[in-house]
Protein backbone atom coordinates (compact mmCIF):
# COMPACT_ATOMS: atom_id res chain seq x y z
CA MET A 1 13.95 -7.49 1.26
CA PRO A 2 12.14 -4.41 -0.19
CA ARG A 3 13.23 -5.31 -3.73
CA ARG A 4 12.20 -8.91 -3.25
CA THR A 5 8.85 -7.75 -1.87
CA ALA A 6 8.35 -5.48 -4.90
CA LEU A 7 9.20 -8.40 -7.19
CA GLU A 8 6.72 -10.62 -5.36
CA ALA A 9 4.07 -7.91 -5.69
CA LEU A 10 4.65 -7.64 -9.45
CA GLU A 11 4.33 -11.40 -9.81
CA ARG A 12 1.10 -11.52 -7.81
CA PHE A 13 -0.33 -8.59 -9.74
CA ARG A 14 0.60 -10.21 -13.05
CA ARG A 15 -0.71 -13.62 -12.02
CA ASP A 16 -3.89 -12.73 -10.13
CA SER A 17 -4.75 -9.25 -11.46
CA ALA A 18 -5.13 -8.27 -7.82
CA TRP A 19 -5.52 -4.62 -6.78
CA SER A 20 -2.06 -3.14 -6.23
CA ARG A 21 -2.73 -1.58 -2.82
CA GLN A 22 -4.07 -4.84 -1.41
CA VAL A 23 -1.08 -6.72 -2.80
CA MET A 24 1.49 -4.35 -1.34
CA ASP A 25 -0.18 -4.06 2.05
CA SER A 26 -0.42 -7.83 2.47
CA LEU A 27 3.17 -8.48 1.36
CA ALA A 28 4.64 -5.73 3.53
CA GLU A 29 2.93 -7.31 6.51
CA LYS A 30 3.91 -10.87 5.53
CA ASN A 31 7.57 -9.91 5.08
CA SER A 32 7.61 -7.78 8.27
CA LEU A 33 8.89 -4.68 6.50
CA ASP A 34 9.48 -1.58 8.57
CA ARG A 35 8.16 1.80 7.41
CA ARG A 36 11.31 2.68 5.45
CA ASP A 37 11.50 -0.66 3.62
CA THR A 38 7.75 -0.56 2.92
CA ALA A 39 8.18 2.88 1.35
CA LEU A 40 10.97 1.62 -0.93
CA ALA A 41 9.10 -1.53 -1.92
CA SER A 42 5.99 0.53 -2.69
CA ARG A 43 7.94 3.07 -4.73
CA LEU A 44 9.49 0.28 -6.81
CA PHE A 45 6.23 -1.62 -7.29
CA TYR A 46 4.05 1.37 -8.17
CA GLY A 47 6.84 2.91 -10.23
CA VAL A 48 7.10 -0.17 -12.45
CA LEU A 49 3.30 -0.28 -12.84
CA GLN A 50 3.40 3.37 -13.97
CA ASN A 51 6.23 2.81 -16.45
CA MET A 52 5.99 -0.83 -17.47
CA ALA A 53 5.72 -0.37 -21.24
CA LEU A 54 8.59 2.13 -21.24
CA CYS A 55 10.79 -0.20 -19.18
CA ASP A 56 9.94 -3.04 -21.56
CA PHE A 57 10.84 -0.92 -24.57
CA TYR A 58 14.39 -0.40 -23.26
CA ILE A 59 14.69 -4.00 -22.07
CA ASP A 60 13.67 -5.35 -25.47
CA HIS A 61 16.12 -3.02 -27.20
CA TRP A 62 19.05 -4.78 -25.53
CA ALA A 63 17.66 -8.21 -24.57
CA ARG A 64 16.90 -10.41 -27.54
CA GLY A 65 14.65 -13.45 -27.28
CA ARG A 66 12.01 -14.57 -24.83
CA LEU A 67 12.47 -13.77 -21.14
CA GLU A 68 11.07 -15.66 -18.19
CA PRO A 69 8.30 -13.51 -16.64
CA LYS A 70 10.12 -13.25 -13.31
CA VAL A 71 13.40 -12.35 -15.02
CA ARG A 72 11.58 -9.62 -16.95
CA ASP A 73 10.14 -8.32 -13.67
CA ILE A 74 13.65 -8.21 -12.18
CA LEU A 75 14.82 -6.24 -15.21
CA ARG A 76 11.85 -3.87 -14.90
CA LEU A 77 12.75 -3.14 -11.30
CA GLY A 78 16.35 -2.52 -12.32
CA VAL A 79 15.42 -0.23 -15.21
CA TYR A 80 13.07 1.76 -13.00
CA GLN A 81 15.82 2.32 -10.45
CA LEU A 82 18.26 3.39 -13.16
CA LEU A 83 15.95 5.82 -14.93
CA PHE A 84 13.69 7.18 -12.20
CA MET A 85 15.48 6.94 -8.84
CA ASP A 86 18.39 9.37 -8.64
CA ARG A 87 19.28 8.44 -5.07
CA ILE A 88 20.16 4.85 -5.97
CA PRO A 89 23.63 4.65 -7.61
CA PRO A 90 23.62 2.75 -10.92
CA ARG A 91 26.11 0.21 -9.59
CA ALA A 92 23.82 -0.54 -6.65
CA ALA A 93 20.76 -0.89 -8.88
CA VAL A 94 22.56 -3.32 -11.19
CA GLY A 95 24.17 -5.29 -8.37
CA ALA A 96 20.94 -5.64 -6.39
CA SER A 97 19.13 -6.91 -9.49
CA VAL A 98 21.82 -9.53 -10.17
CA ASP A 99 21.77 -10.61 -6.52
CA LEU A 100 17.99 -10.93 -6.65
CA CYS A 101 18.26 -13.07 -9.75
CA ARG A 102 20.74 -15.44 -8.09
CA ALA A 103 18.83 -15.57 -4.81
CA LEU A 104 15.79 -16.86 -6.69
CA GLY A 105 17.74 -19.56 -8.51
CA TYR A 106 18.03 -17.83 -11.88
CA ASP A 107 21.82 -18.14 -12.04
CA ARG A 108 21.87 -18.60 -15.81
CA ALA A 109 19.90 -15.38 -16.30
CA SER A 110 22.07 -13.31 -13.95
CA GLY A 111 24.62 -12.60 -16.69
CA LEU A 112 21.89 -11.34 -19.01
CA VAL A 113 20.42 -9.14 -16.29
CA ASN A 114 23.86 -7.73 -15.54
CA ALA A 115 24.64 -7.04 -19.21
CA VAL A 116 21.27 -5.42 -20.07
CA LEU A 117 21.20 -3.18 -17.02
CA ARG A 118 24.81 -2.09 -17.44
CA ARG A 119 24.08 -1.10 -21.06
CA ILE A 120 21.04 0.90 -19.98
CA ALA A 121 23.00 2.52 -17.15
CA GLY A 122 25.69 3.56 -19.62
CA ALA A 123 23.15 4.98 -22.07
CA ARG A 124 21.00 6.94 -19.61
CA ASP A 125 21.94 10.23 -21.27
CA ASP A 126 21.46 8.87 -24.79
CA LEU A 127 18.65 6.33 -24.71
CA PRO A 128 17.26 4.94 -27.97
CA PRO A 129 14.37 7.08 -29.25
CA ILE A 130 10.82 5.77 -29.04
CA PRO A 131 9.48 5.50 -32.61
CA GLY A 132 6.32 7.12 -33.92
CA GLN A 133 6.40 10.46 -32.13
CA GLY A 134 3.10 12.24 -32.74
CA THR A 135 1.08 9.01 -32.71
CA ALA A 136 -1.05 7.22 -30.15
CA GLN A 137 1.43 4.34 -30.17
CA TYR A 138 4.24 6.66 -29.11
CA LEU A 139 2.17 7.98 -26.19
CA SER A 140 1.20 4.43 -25.24
CA THR A 141 4.86 3.43 -24.94
CA ARG A 142 6.22 6.67 -23.50
CA TYR A 143 3.62 6.88 -20.69
CA SER A 144 2.84 3.16 -20.36
CA HIS A 145 -0.90 3.28 -21.04
CA PRO A 146 -2.84 0.82 -23.24
CA LEU A 147 -3.11 1.88 -26.86
CA TRP A 148 -6.93 1.97 -26.79
CA LEU A 149 -6.81 4.40 -23.87
CA THR A 150 -4.41 6.79 -25.60
CA GLU A 151 -6.54 6.67 -28.73
CA GLU A 152 -9.67 7.59 -26.77
CA LEU A 153 -7.85 10.44 -25.06
CA MET A 154 -6.56 11.78 -28.37
CA ALA A 155 -10.09 11.72 -29.78
CA LEU A 156 -11.23 13.89 -26.86
CA ARG A 157 -8.27 16.19 -26.29
CA GLY A 158 -5.99 15.95 -29.32
CA TYR A 159 -2.36 14.85 -29.19
CA GLU A 160 -1.00 17.54 -26.88
CA GLY A 161 -3.96 17.37 -24.52
CA ALA A 162 -3.75 13.59 -24.34
CA GLU A 163 -0.04 13.74 -23.58
CA ALA A 164 -0.68 16.27 -20.79
CA VAL A 165 -3.20 13.93 -19.15
CA LEU A 166 -0.94 10.90 -19.48
CA ARG A 167 1.95 12.84 -17.99
CA CYS A 168 -0.22 13.73 -15.00
CA ASP A 169 -1.21 10.08 -14.61
CA ASN A 170 2.42 9.21 -13.90
CA GLU A 171 3.04 12.03 -11.43
CA GLU A 172 2.46 12.01 -7.68
CA PRO A 173 -0.81 13.82 -6.97
CA PRO A 174 -1.24 16.40 -4.22
CA VAL A 175 -3.14 15.28 -1.13
CA TYR A 176 -6.24 17.47 -0.81
CA ILE A 177 -8.18 17.68 2.42
CA GLN A 178 -11.52 19.27 3.24
CA PRO A 179 -11.98 20.99 6.62
CA ASN A 180 -14.74 19.98 8.97
CA THR A 181 -16.04 23.51 9.39
CA CYS A 182 -18.39 22.30 12.11
CA ARG A 183 -15.24 22.16 14.23
CA VAL A 184 -12.57 24.35 12.62
CA SER A 185 -12.26 27.07 9.97
CA ALA A 186 -10.29 26.44 6.79
CA GLY A 187 -7.82 29.18 7.74
CA ASP A 188 -7.19 27.82 11.23
CA LEU A 189 -6.76 24.28 9.90
CA ALA A 190 -4.30 25.45 7.23
CA ALA A 191 -2.23 27.27 9.86
CA ARG A 192 -2.29 24.28 12.19
CA LEU A 193 -1.14 21.82 9.53
CA GLY A 194 1.08 24.08 7.47
CA ALA A 195 -1.21 23.27 4.55
CA GLU A 196 -1.30 25.27 1.33
CA ARG A 197 -4.55 27.08 0.62
CA THR A 198 -5.52 27.04 -3.05
CA GLU A 199 -8.68 27.69 -4.99
CA ASN A 200 -9.12 23.91 -5.01
CA GLY A 201 -8.81 23.47 -1.24
CA LEU A 202 -6.09 22.64 1.28
CA ILE A 203 -3.02 20.65 0.22
CA LEU A 204 -1.07 18.77 2.86
CA PRO A 205 2.68 19.48 2.71
CA ARG A 206 3.35 15.74 2.79
CA ALA A 207 1.16 12.65 2.81
CA GLY A 208 2.69 10.35 5.41
CA ASP A 209 0.44 8.61 7.92
CA ILE A 210 -2.68 10.75 7.60
CA ALA A 211 -4.76 8.53 9.88
CA GLY A 212 -2.17 9.01 12.61
CA MET A 213 -2.34 12.81 12.51
CA ASP A 214 -3.78 14.45 15.62
CA ALA A 215 -6.01 16.75 13.54
CA PHE A 216 -7.41 13.78 11.65
CA GLN A 217 -8.11 11.79 14.80
CA LYS A 218 -9.89 14.82 16.25
CA GLY A 219 -12.13 14.94 13.20
CA LEU A 220 -10.95 18.29 11.87
CA PHE A 221 -10.75 17.16 8.24
CA TYR A 222 -11.30 14.37 5.75
CA VAL A 223 -9.44 13.51 2.55
CA GLN A 224 -11.25 14.35 -0.70
CA ASP A 225 -10.23 15.57 -4.13
CA PRO A 226 -11.68 18.99 -5.08
CA ALA A 227 -13.47 17.55 -8.11
CA ALA A 228 -15.40 15.09 -5.96
CA HIS A 229 -16.15 17.90 -3.52
CA GLN A 230 -17.85 19.78 -6.36
CA VAL A 231 -20.68 17.24 -6.20
CA VAL A 232 -21.59 18.65 -2.78
CA GLU A 233 -21.15 22.22 -4.02
CA ALA A 234 -23.41 21.52 -7.00
CA ALA A 235 -26.21 20.34 -4.70
CA GLU A 236 -26.48 23.85 -3.17
CA LEU A 237 -27.49 22.44 0.21
CA ALA A 238 -29.08 24.35 3.07
CA PRO A 239 -29.76 23.41 6.70
CA GLY A 240 -32.67 21.04 7.19
CA MET A 241 -32.45 19.32 3.80
CA ARG A 242 -32.69 15.57 3.22
CA VAL A 243 -29.82 14.06 1.21
CA LEU A 244 -29.24 10.56 -0.17
CA ASP A 245 -25.70 9.44 -1.01
CA ALA A 246 -26.63 6.32 -2.96
CA CYS A 247 -23.16 4.78 -3.32
CA ALA A 248 -21.55 6.39 -0.31
CA ALA A 249 -18.27 4.63 0.47
CA PRO A 250 -15.71 5.88 1.35
CA GLY A 251 -17.98 8.67 2.61
CA GLY A 252 -16.53 11.96 1.40
CA LYS A 253 -19.74 13.21 -0.18
CA SER A 254 -21.80 12.25 2.87
CA PHE A 255 -19.35 14.08 5.13
CA GLY A 256 -19.37 17.11 2.83
CA ALA A 257 -23.15 17.21 2.72
CA ALA A 258 -23.49 17.06 6.50
CA ILE A 259 -20.88 19.79 6.94
CA ALA A 260 -22.46 22.00 4.24
CA MET A 261 -25.72 21.90 6.23
CA GLY A 262 -23.97 22.62 9.52
CA ASP A 263 -24.91 19.09 10.60
CA ASP A 264 -28.51 20.29 10.61
CA GLY A 265 -30.31 17.98 8.21
CA ALA A 266 -30.52 14.28 7.34
CA VAL A 267 -27.95 12.44 5.22
CA THR A 268 -28.58 8.81 4.28
CA ALA A 269 -25.29 7.14 3.38
CA ARG A 270 -26.17 3.98 1.46
CA ASP A 271 -23.77 1.35 0.12
CA ILE A 272 -23.98 -2.29 -0.92
CA LEU A 273 -20.86 -3.33 1.02
CA ALA A 274 -21.36 -3.37 4.77
CA LYS A 275 -17.59 -3.43 5.40
CA LYS A 276 -17.13 -0.16 3.49
CA LEU A 277 -20.22 1.33 5.08
CA ALA A 278 -18.65 0.72 8.49
CA LEU A 279 -15.81 3.03 7.45
CA VAL A 280 -18.35 5.75 6.63
CA ALA A 281 -19.91 5.34 10.06
CA GLU A 282 -16.49 5.49 11.70
CA GLY A 283 -15.63 8.68 9.82
CA ALA A 284 -18.92 10.32 10.76
CA GLY A 285 -18.34 9.43 14.40
CA ARG A 286 -14.78 10.75 14.33
CA MET A 287 -15.98 14.09 12.98
CA GLY A 288 -19.02 14.25 15.25
CA LEU A 289 -21.48 14.40 12.34
CA LYS A 290 -24.74 13.23 13.85
CA SER A 291 -26.89 13.90 10.79
CA ILE A 292 -25.43 10.92 8.88
CA ALA A 293 -27.29 7.61 9.03
CA CYS A 294 -25.77 4.56 7.28
CA GLN A 295 -27.97 2.17 5.34
CA ALA A 296 -26.82 -1.07 3.68
CA GLY A 297 -28.39 -1.99 0.34
CA ASP A 298 -28.06 -2.21 -3.43
CA ALA A 299 -28.78 1.08 -5.18
CA ARG A 300 -31.00 -0.83 -7.60
CA ASP A 301 -33.36 -1.62 -4.73
CA ILE A 302 -34.16 2.01 -3.95
CA ALA A 303 -37.91 2.35 -4.34
CA GLY A 304 -38.94 5.99 -4.24
CA GLY A 305 -38.12 8.66 -1.73
CA ASP A 306 -38.50 12.32 -0.95
CA TYR A 307 -34.95 13.67 -0.96
CA ASP A 308 -33.94 17.24 -1.74
CA ALA A 309 -30.62 16.08 -3.21
CA VAL A 310 -29.45 12.67 -4.36
CA PHE A 311 -25.84 11.81 -5.16
CA ALA A 312 -25.29 9.06 -7.73
CA ASP A 313 -21.51 8.61 -7.74
CA LEU A 314 -21.57 5.30 -9.55
CA PRO A 315 -19.12 2.45 -10.25
CA CYS A 316 -16.97 3.42 -13.21
CA SER A 317 -13.70 2.70 -15.01
CA GLY A 318 -11.78 4.97 -12.62
CA LEU A 319 -9.52 6.25 -15.40
CA GLY A 320 -9.53 9.70 -13.83
CA VAL A 321 -7.65 8.46 -10.75
CA ILE A 322 -4.86 6.49 -12.44
CA ARG A 323 -2.29 8.75 -10.78
CA LYS A 324 -3.54 7.43 -7.42
CA LYS A 325 -4.18 3.86 -8.57
CA PRO A 326 -1.73 3.06 -11.38
CA ASP A 327 -3.05 -0.46 -11.89
CA ILE A 328 -6.39 0.85 -13.19
CA ARG A 329 -4.83 1.38 -16.61
CA TYR A 330 -4.52 -2.41 -16.98
CA ARG A 331 -8.24 -3.17 -16.54
CA ASP A 332 -9.89 -5.17 -19.31
CA LYS A 333 -11.47 -2.81 -21.85
CA ARG A 334 -14.30 -5.27 -22.45
CA GLU A 335 -15.21 -5.06 -18.78
CA LEU A 336 -15.12 -1.27 -18.88
CA ASP A 337 -17.27 -1.13 -22.00
CA SER A 338 -20.04 -2.97 -20.13
CA LEU A 339 -20.24 -0.29 -17.43
CA PRO A 340 -22.57 2.26 -19.12
CA ALA A 341 -25.47 -0.21 -19.13
CA LEU A 342 -25.03 -0.76 -15.38
CA GLN A 343 -24.63 2.96 -14.74
CA LEU A 344 -27.85 3.76 -16.57
CA GLU A 345 -29.71 1.01 -14.68
CA LEU A 346 -28.46 2.35 -11.33
CA LEU A 347 -29.17 5.96 -12.25
CA GLU A 348 -32.76 5.16 -13.18
CA ALA A 349 -33.34 3.37 -9.87
CA ILE A 350 -31.69 6.09 -7.81
CA SER A 351 -33.61 8.87 -9.57
CA THR A 352 -36.87 7.66 -8.02
CA ALA A 353 -35.64 9.00 -4.65
CA VAL A 354 -35.62 12.64 -5.84
CA ARG A 355 -38.59 14.78 -4.81
CA PRO A 356 -40.20 17.19 -7.31
CA GLY A 357 -37.93 20.24 -7.38
CA GLY A 358 -35.05 18.21 -5.99
CA ARG A 359 -31.61 17.68 -7.52
CA LEU A 360 -29.96 14.53 -8.86
CA ILE A 361 -26.18 14.69 -9.28
CA TYR A 362 -24.60 11.96 -11.38
CA SER A 363 -20.82 11.66 -11.16
CA THR A 364 -17.92 9.38 -12.05
CA CYS A 365 -14.15 9.49 -11.60
CA THR A 366 -13.48 9.02 -15.30
CA TRP A 367 -13.33 11.16 -18.41
CA ARG A 368 -14.80 8.53 -20.80
CA THR A 369 -17.71 9.94 -22.80
CA GLY A 370 -19.43 6.56 -22.88
CA GLU A 371 -19.70 6.52 -19.10
CA ASN A 372 -20.54 10.19 -18.76
CA GLN A 373 -22.33 12.28 -21.37
CA ASP A 374 -23.74 9.22 -23.15
CA VAL A 375 -25.29 7.92 -19.91
CA THR A 376 -26.87 11.22 -18.87
CA ARG A 377 -28.07 11.85 -22.43
CA ALA A 378 -29.80 8.45 -22.48
CA PHE A 379 -31.28 9.03 -19.03
CA LEU A 380 -32.64 12.48 -19.86
CA GLY A 381 -34.04 11.23 -23.13
CA ALA A 382 -36.12 8.67 -21.24
CA HIS A 383 -37.09 10.85 -18.27
CA SER A 384 -38.68 14.14 -19.30
CA GLN A 385 -39.30 15.07 -15.65
CA PHE A 386 -35.57 15.77 -15.28
CA THR A 387 -33.71 18.74 -16.77
CA LYS A 388 -29.95 19.16 -16.96
CA THR A 389 -28.80 22.31 -15.15
CA MET A 390 -25.03 21.76 -14.92
CA GLU A 391 -22.44 19.55 -16.60
CA ARG A 392 -18.67 19.55 -16.29
CA THR A 393 -15.64 17.35 -16.91
CA PHE A 394 -12.56 17.94 -14.76
CA TRP A 395 -9.04 17.20 -16.05
CA PRO A 396 -5.85 16.76 -13.99
CA ASP A 397 -3.77 18.90 -16.34
CA LEU A 398 -6.32 21.73 -16.68
CA ASP A 399 -7.97 21.76 -13.25
CA GLY A 400 -5.34 20.27 -10.96
CA THR A 401 -7.85 17.63 -9.83
CA ASP A 402 -8.67 14.02 -10.54
CA GLY A 403 -10.28 13.30 -13.87
CA PHE A 404 -13.96 13.60 -13.00
CA TYR A 405 -17.43 14.20 -14.41
CA LEU A 406 -20.59 15.55 -12.85
CA CYS A 407 -24.02 16.35 -14.19
CA ARG A 408 -26.70 18.05 -12.09
CA MET A 409 -30.28 17.36 -13.07
CA GLU A 410 -33.41 18.85 -11.52
CA ARG A 411 -36.72 17.11 -11.23
CA THR A 412 -39.30 19.51 -12.58
CA ASN A 413 -42.57 17.60 -12.06
CA GLN A 414 -44.03 14.25 -11.01
CA ILE A 415 -44.62 12.72 -14.44
């Protein structure tokens, strides 16, 4: 059943372009998978999404002619098991794929599936080379990212830098947590959880069911990548300040702001989606952060304000978190190219909430220049009352964080 669930998830993702986590969660529940089978189905599904182009390269090397989409998905699952899952014997991976093919009524294709997977299994130590090494096309195939994305990365980081980022995108990221220092010190929390203390924060030894952890339920920590936490650090908050988190969900920056002020201040957590805002309120209640007030509304409707610090963590392409959400790499480039106009519109509306002398921190979880430096450059060019005081791009290979961008701007006068 886990392999069939993974196959069903691939089909739904391919057909509906649905978000992968929603697909897997709904199918695991529908098929009544236990925790172990859910873990296997998820590993297969996400693994194929991370390595689809590479799997297809080897499939097409040995399978000539057009393949039914579902048969190709079965082959992808088989190839992933053969090349990336050492604990599954090759015979079992091949046999399970053939059985899956027959169970779904593809008897005529079962022989092809058997032959292709057996050839790949036999050639695992001597696979056919991917052509074009040193080019964007090679990276696109080797790390299963769209060609346009690899070309943009190469323009920013060069060939070796781009490859390092793409490699990180296909690796399992560490789970970083931030301590609720209103209730526990970082050292005590690390000792309690057996977490690793690094310059970037605390790393849980294993992910597992975080929400079920006693320390989580007692509000001793929240999950947040160190790069996102730098938005709070950049605000240089002090007790008694007023903070606006304009696009707050899932709430990490609001939590961080309240904690940085010792829960002595006022944090307005605003979001357009009431359902997501409810999660922010739940998190604040769990951690006992009374300074956070949730407010539903579109960021474009913000009309003035008197905040000391305003966070504008805006909708973006999300390319910096591909290692957590592998399906992001398959988003339509035309859709992503339309984002900077929206980001600039939102930033201009949100900026009206900053008091003279206050700070505006713009951030995204992407490395794309068009959504980052180009947006802040356009904003600053049209708003002389703001001055840039900090700008940084974070990279997974260089910083050990998500790909992320932040720019701190200070309002200097009331013009």
